[in-house]
Amino acid sequence: MSLRDQTLFITGASRGIGLAIALRAARDGANVVVAAKTAEPHPKLPGTIHTAAAEIEAAGGRALPVVVDVRDEGSVARAVEQAVARFGGIDVLVNNASAISLTGTLATPPRIFDRMMSVNTRGTFVASQACLPHLKRSKNPHVLNLSPPLNMDPRWFAPHVAYTMAKYGMSLCVLGMAREFERDGIAVNALWPRTAIATAAIEFAIGDASSLRHCRKPEIMADAAHWILTQPSRSLTGRFLIDDEVLGAAGVTDFDAYAVSPGAPLALDFFLDDAGPYISETVPLAGGGH
């Protein structure tokens, strides 16, 4: 149940959930490739590939910060080459990079549509394609997409059809690649949060810091991802997993530890129809999502 000496290639790992997953792996002594766009400080969002790398190494891991735009296959290919040259291979790919615009059809310019499709769906495909030849040589290879279960209820499409299509594209990669690479022993799974997750990007997107009290911390996703990535790859693949279900099955009983404000009602994330067994009170989602 350890990622020691494993090499993780994590897109969008300079902040938020991607960084939380990286830090959890670092505590095991993992190698982490911080593959993200932000090399210089963002005017409104904290964190760069360099600050993330420093945190990873302080937590006990080894880090390789690389500027990567997942929309550019050349950028991804070069980062993968650097990762293999530095660490000798790739054992885990986490497709975390994501773009979000919660806008209806008439309010979504084609450039925003293209950005979401390029980052979410195409970026996931490109990063997977680049890493798969190296994953085939790993003893326990995993691909983990941070994407939702495929819920075809029209209510998850109507308010933001472009965003839904882009995120579901990531999930369709799970559906297809899990079967395609099953014989190679490569696990391909999806992980999605039961609730909205408190990240700077979400606070920026919804413009209301007070809403974060109804969220859980990124660490719940990191701990769930850690459990998934330490399972034998041939025994767990093609699954659409929810963070608290994963941890509950692993024996976790105290979910208040993950709450931003323990005792406050929680906001369910997009694409989920029920609160599950670990949440007693909910509030409407105020522009959440990942």
Protein backbone atom coordinates (compact mmCIF):
# COMPACT_ATOMS: atom_id res chain seq x y z
CA MET A 1 0.00 0.00 0.00
CA SER A 2 2.79 2.40 -0.88
CA LEU A 3 3.86 4.46 -3.88
CA ARG A 4 7.50 4.49 -2.80
CA ASP A 5 9.85 4.82 -5.79
CA GLN A 6 6.86 4.90 -8.18
CA THR A 7 6.80 7.68 -10.77
CA LEU A 8 3.60 9.68 -11.13
CA PHE A 9 2.97 12.00 -14.08
CA ILE A 10 0.26 14.43 -12.89
CA THR A 11 -1.21 17.05 -15.20
CA GLY A 12 -2.31 20.29 -13.57
CA ALA A 13 -0.35 19.47 -10.41
CA SER A 14 0.71 22.99 -9.49
CA ARG A 15 -2.32 23.52 -7.22
CA GLY A 16 -5.60 22.11 -5.98
CA ILE A 17 -6.48 18.45 -6.20
CA GLY A 18 -3.54 17.63 -8.45
CA LEU A 19 -1.10 19.02 -5.91
CA ALA A 20 -2.88 17.24 -3.04
CA ILE A 21 -2.51 13.90 -4.87
CA ALA A 22 1.16 14.70 -5.50
CA LEU A 23 1.82 15.49 -1.85
CA ARG A 24 0.13 12.30 -0.67
CA ALA A 25 2.34 10.30 -3.02
CA ALA A 26 5.39 12.27 -1.90
CA ARG A 27 4.84 11.15 1.71
CA ASP A 28 5.43 7.60 0.47
CA GLY A 29 8.68 8.62 -1.23
CA ALA A 30 7.32 8.75 -4.79
CA ASN A 31 8.70 10.55 -7.82
CA VAL A 32 6.28 13.18 -9.11
CA VAL A 33 6.31 14.92 -12.47
CA VAL A 34 4.57 18.27 -11.98
CA ALA A 35 3.18 18.77 -15.48
CA ALA A 36 1.38 22.11 -15.57
CA LYS A 37 1.31 25.43 -17.38
CA THR A 38 2.08 27.79 -14.52
CA ALA A 39 5.79 28.55 -14.33
CA GLU A 40 5.31 32.15 -13.18
CA PRO A 41 2.84 33.22 -10.45
CA HIS A 42 -0.74 33.60 -11.66
CA PRO A 43 -2.30 36.99 -10.81
CA LYS A 44 -5.34 35.38 -9.16
CA LEU A 45 -4.38 31.78 -8.35
CA PRO A 46 -1.62 30.52 -6.03
CA GLY A 47 1.06 28.03 -6.97
CA THR A 48 3.51 27.30 -9.77
CA ILE A 49 5.25 24.14 -10.91
CA HIS A 50 8.27 25.29 -8.89
CA THR A 51 6.43 25.93 -5.62
CA ALA A 52 4.64 22.59 -6.05
CA ALA A 53 7.97 20.83 -6.60
CA ALA A 54 9.37 22.39 -3.43
CA GLU A 55 6.37 21.18 -1.41
CA ILE A 56 6.68 17.68 -2.87
CA GLU A 57 10.34 17.42 -1.94
CA ALA A 58 9.68 18.82 1.54
CA ALA A 59 7.06 16.08 1.97
CA GLY A 60 9.61 13.37 1.19
CA GLY A 61 9.24 12.87 -2.55
CA ARG A 62 11.31 13.71 -5.61
CA ALA A 63 9.92 16.23 -8.06
CA LEU A 64 10.41 17.17 -11.68
CA PRO A 65 8.65 20.44 -12.57
CA VAL A 66 7.93 20.67 -16.30
CA VAL A 67 5.96 23.34 -18.17
CA VAL A 68 3.22 21.44 -20.00
CA ASP A 69 0.20 22.61 -21.96
CA VAL A 70 -1.90 19.48 -22.48
CA ARG A 71 -3.41 21.09 -25.58
CA ASP A 72 0.00 20.78 -27.27
CA GLU A 73 0.99 17.18 -27.97
CA GLY A 74 4.60 18.22 -28.51
CA SER A 75 4.70 19.76 -25.04
CA VAL A 76 3.30 16.56 -23.54
CA ALA A 77 5.71 14.33 -25.46
CA ARG A 78 8.72 16.36 -24.34
CA ALA A 79 7.59 16.22 -20.72
CA VAL A 80 7.18 12.44 -20.90
CA GLU A 81 10.68 12.12 -22.38
CA GLN A 82 12.09 14.23 -19.54
CA ALA A 83 10.23 12.14 -16.96
CA VAL A 84 11.60 8.88 -18.34
CA ALA A 85 15.12 10.30 -18.60
CA ARG A 86 14.99 11.50 -14.99
CA PHE A 87 13.19 8.63 -13.26
CA GLY A 88 13.57 5.70 -15.64
CA GLY A 89 9.89 5.22 -16.49
CA ILE A 90 6.30 6.12 -15.65
CA ASP A 91 4.07 4.03 -13.36
CA VAL A 92 1.05 6.28 -12.92
CA LEU A 93 -0.68 8.92 -15.03
CA VAL A 94 -3.18 11.22 -13.32
CA ASN A 95 -5.23 13.21 -15.83
CA ASN A 96 -6.17 16.09 -13.56
CA ALA A 97 -5.83 19.17 -15.81
CA SER A 98 -9.26 20.61 -16.51
CA ALA A 99 -11.01 23.69 -17.86
CA ILE A 100 -14.45 24.80 -16.74
CA SER A 101 -17.08 27.27 -17.94
CA LEU A 102 -20.55 26.82 -16.48
CA THR A 103 -22.30 28.57 -19.36
CA GLY A 104 -25.25 27.70 -21.55
CA THR A 105 -25.10 27.19 -25.28
CA LEU A 106 -25.67 30.83 -26.29
CA ALA A 107 -23.22 32.10 -23.67
CA THR A 108 -20.34 29.78 -24.62
CA PRO A 109 -18.13 31.28 -27.36
CA PRO A 110 -16.49 28.72 -29.66
CA ARG A 111 -13.07 29.56 -28.22
CA ILE A 112 -14.28 28.56 -24.74
CA PHE A 113 -15.84 25.39 -26.14
CA ASP A 114 -12.55 24.59 -27.88
CA ARG A 115 -10.56 25.25 -24.71
CA MET A 116 -12.64 22.87 -22.60
CA MET A 117 -12.60 20.14 -25.23
CA SER A 118 -8.86 20.61 -25.83
CA VAL A 119 -7.87 20.55 -22.17
CA ASN A 120 -10.36 18.02 -20.81
CA THR A 121 -11.10 15.47 -23.53
CA ARG A 122 -8.22 15.89 -25.98
CA GLY A 123 -5.66 16.60 -23.26
CA THR A 124 -6.60 13.39 -21.47
CA PHE A 125 -6.33 11.42 -24.70
CA VAL A 126 -2.97 12.98 -25.65
CA ALA A 127 -1.39 12.50 -22.20
CA SER A 128 -2.63 8.91 -22.06
CA GLN A 129 -1.31 8.17 -25.54
CA ALA A 130 2.12 9.56 -24.63
CA CYS A 131 2.40 7.67 -21.32
CA LEU A 132 0.92 4.30 -22.31
CA PRO A 133 4.06 2.84 -23.94
CA HIS A 134 5.92 3.47 -20.67
CA LEU A 135 3.05 2.28 -18.49
CA LYS A 136 3.19 -1.06 -20.31
CA ARG A 137 6.62 -1.60 -18.77
CA SER A 138 5.50 -0.82 -15.21
CA LYS A 139 4.83 -3.54 -12.63
CA ASN A 140 1.62 -1.84 -11.43
CA PRO A 141 0.49 0.70 -14.05
CA HIS A 142 -2.45 3.00 -13.45
CA VAL A 143 -4.23 5.77 -15.34
CA LEU A 144 -6.59 7.83 -13.19
CA ASN A 145 -8.86 10.44 -14.79
CA LEU A 146 -10.53 12.99 -12.54
CA SER A 147 -13.85 12.75 -14.30
CA PRO A 148 -17.45 11.88 -13.41
CA PRO A 149 -19.61 8.82 -13.84
CA LEU A 150 -21.58 8.93 -17.08
CA ASN A 151 -24.97 10.18 -15.91
CA MET A 152 -27.26 10.72 -18.91
CA ASP A 153 -29.93 12.70 -17.04
CA PRO A 154 -30.56 15.81 -19.20
CA ARG A 155 -30.40 18.04 -16.13
CA TRP A 156 -26.62 17.59 -16.15
CA PHE A 157 -26.44 18.77 -19.75
CA ALA A 158 -28.94 21.59 -20.11
CA PRO A 159 -27.26 24.32 -18.00
CA HIS A 160 -23.72 23.77 -19.36
CA VAL A 161 -23.75 21.32 -22.24
CA ALA A 162 -20.24 22.22 -23.43
CA TYR A 163 -18.63 21.60 -20.03
CA THR A 164 -20.53 18.35 -19.58
CA MET A 165 -19.44 17.10 -22.99
CA ALA A 166 -15.81 17.95 -22.23
CA LYS A 167 -15.79 16.17 -18.85
CA TYR A 168 -17.69 13.17 -20.17
CA GLY A 169 -15.06 12.88 -22.90
CA MET A 170 -12.56 12.14 -20.13
CA SER A 171 -14.90 9.48 -18.77
CA LEU A 172 -15.33 7.91 -22.20
CA CYS A 173 -11.56 7.52 -22.31
CA VAL A 174 -11.87 5.41 -19.16
CA LEU A 175 -14.63 3.30 -20.67
CA GLY A 176 -12.66 2.56 -23.83
CA MET A 177 -9.05 2.44 -22.64
CA ALA A 178 -9.79 0.18 -19.67
CA ARG A 179 -10.95 -2.51 -22.08
CA GLU A 180 -8.35 -1.70 -24.74
CA PHE A 181 -5.39 -2.10 -22.35
CA GLU A 182 -6.82 -4.76 -20.05
CA ARG A 183 -4.52 -7.45 -21.44
CA ASP A 184 -1.53 -5.20 -20.73
CA GLY A 185 -2.53 -5.03 -17.08
CA ILE A 186 -2.99 -1.25 -17.18
CA ALA A 187 -5.71 -0.04 -14.85
CA VAL A 188 -7.76 2.87 -16.20
CA ASN A 189 -10.25 4.36 -13.74
CA ALA A 190 -12.13 7.58 -13.00
CA LEU A 191 -12.36 9.34 -9.63
CA TRP A 192 -14.90 12.04 -8.82
CA PRO A 193 -15.69 13.90 -5.57
CA ARG A 194 -19.02 13.40 -3.85
CA THR A 195 -19.02 17.08 -2.85
CA ALA A 196 -17.62 20.29 -4.19
CA ILE A 197 -13.94 20.56 -3.28
CA ALA A 198 -12.45 23.72 -1.79
CA THR A 199 -9.76 24.88 -4.21
CA ALA A 200 -8.58 28.34 -5.20
CA ALA A 201 -9.71 27.68 -8.77
CA ILE A 202 -13.26 26.91 -7.64
CA GLU A 203 -13.32 29.95 -5.36
CA PHE A 204 -12.22 32.04 -8.34
CA ALA A 205 -14.83 30.43 -10.62
CA ILE A 206 -17.79 30.98 -8.31
CA GLY A 207 -16.57 34.29 -6.85
CA ASP A 208 -17.88 33.52 -3.38
CA ALA A 209 -15.42 32.43 -0.69
CA SER A 210 -18.25 31.82 1.79
CA SER A 211 -19.45 28.89 -0.33
CA LEU A 212 -16.27 27.00 0.48
CA ARG A 213 -17.62 26.18 3.94
CA HIS A 214 -19.95 23.72 2.19
CA CYS A 215 -17.01 21.91 0.56
CA ARG A 216 -14.60 19.20 1.50
CA LYS A 217 -10.82 19.61 1.36
CA PRO A 218 -8.71 18.33 -1.56
CA GLU A 219 -7.14 15.78 0.80
CA ILE A 220 -10.20 13.53 0.49
CA MET A 221 -9.49 13.15 -3.21
CA ALA A 222 -5.78 12.63 -2.51
CA ASP A 223 -6.43 9.84 -0.01
CA ALA A 224 -8.95 8.16 -2.33
CA ALA A 225 -6.54 8.41 -5.26
CA HIS A 226 -3.75 6.94 -3.13
CA TRP A 227 -5.87 3.91 -2.28
CA ILE A 228 -6.77 3.35 -5.95
CA LEU A 229 -3.21 3.73 -7.19
CA THR A 230 -1.83 1.25 -4.67
CA GLN A 231 -4.23 -1.53 -5.70
CA PRO A 232 -3.09 -4.29 -8.09
CA SER A 233 -3.79 -2.85 -11.52
CA ARG A 234 -5.23 -6.09 -12.91
CA SER A 235 -7.88 -6.25 -10.18
CA LEU A 236 -9.27 -2.71 -10.38
CA THR A 237 -9.98 -1.18 -13.78
CA GLY A 238 -12.82 0.37 -15.77
CA ARG A 239 -14.45 1.78 -12.65
CA PHE A 240 -16.13 5.14 -12.01
CA LEU A 241 -15.25 5.72 -8.37
CA ILE A 242 -16.50 8.31 -5.86
CA ASP A 243 -14.09 9.59 -3.21
CA ASP A 244 -16.06 8.85 -0.03
CA GLU A 245 -17.23 5.45 -1.32
CA VAL A 246 -13.60 4.49 -1.94
CA LEU A 247 -12.51 5.59 1.53
CA GLY A 248 -15.54 4.12 3.26
CA ALA A 249 -14.79 0.74 1.69
CA ALA A 250 -11.18 1.16 2.84
CA GLY A 251 -12.33 1.59 6.45
CA VAL A 252 -12.51 5.37 6.88
CA THR A 253 -15.26 6.42 9.28
CA ASP A 254 -14.44 10.06 10.13
CA PHE A 255 -15.39 12.18 7.13
CA ASP A 256 -15.69 15.35 9.21
CA ALA A 257 -11.91 15.48 9.10
CA TYR A 258 -12.20 16.30 5.40
CA ALA A 259 -14.81 19.05 5.79
CA VAL A 260 -13.80 22.69 5.50
CA SER A 261 -16.37 23.50 8.20
CA PRO A 262 -17.25 20.32 10.13
CA GLY A 263 -20.98 20.16 10.78
CA ALA A 264 -21.93 22.49 7.93
CA PRO A 265 -24.17 21.00 5.22
CA LEU A 266 -22.26 19.91 2.14
CA ALA A 267 -22.81 20.75 -1.51
CA LEU A 268 -22.99 17.72 -3.78
CA ASP A 269 -20.87 17.90 -6.89
CA PHE A 270 -22.18 17.79 -10.44
CA PHE A 271 -23.36 14.58 -12.09
CA LEU A 272 -24.31 12.83 -8.82
CA ASP A 273 -27.90 12.11 -7.89
CA ASP A 274 -27.63 11.27 -4.19
CA ALA A 275 -25.63 12.08 -1.08
CA GLY A 276 -24.54 8.51 -0.35
CA PRO A 277 -24.25 7.05 3.15
CA TYR A 278 -21.76 9.52 4.63
CA ILE A 279 -23.62 12.84 4.23
CA SER A 280 -26.70 13.74 6.25
CA GLU A 281 -27.40 17.30 5.09
CA THR A 282 -26.79 19.05 1.77
CA VAL A 283 -27.14 22.49 0.23
CA PRO A 284 -27.52 23.41 -3.46
CA LEU A 285 -24.31 23.45 -5.43
CA ALA A 286 -23.17 27.02 -6.10
CA GLY A 287 -21.11 26.67 -9.25
CA GLY A 288 -18.95 23.80 -7.98
CA GLY A 289 -17.48 21.12 -10.17
CA HIS A 290 -13.92 20.21 -10.95
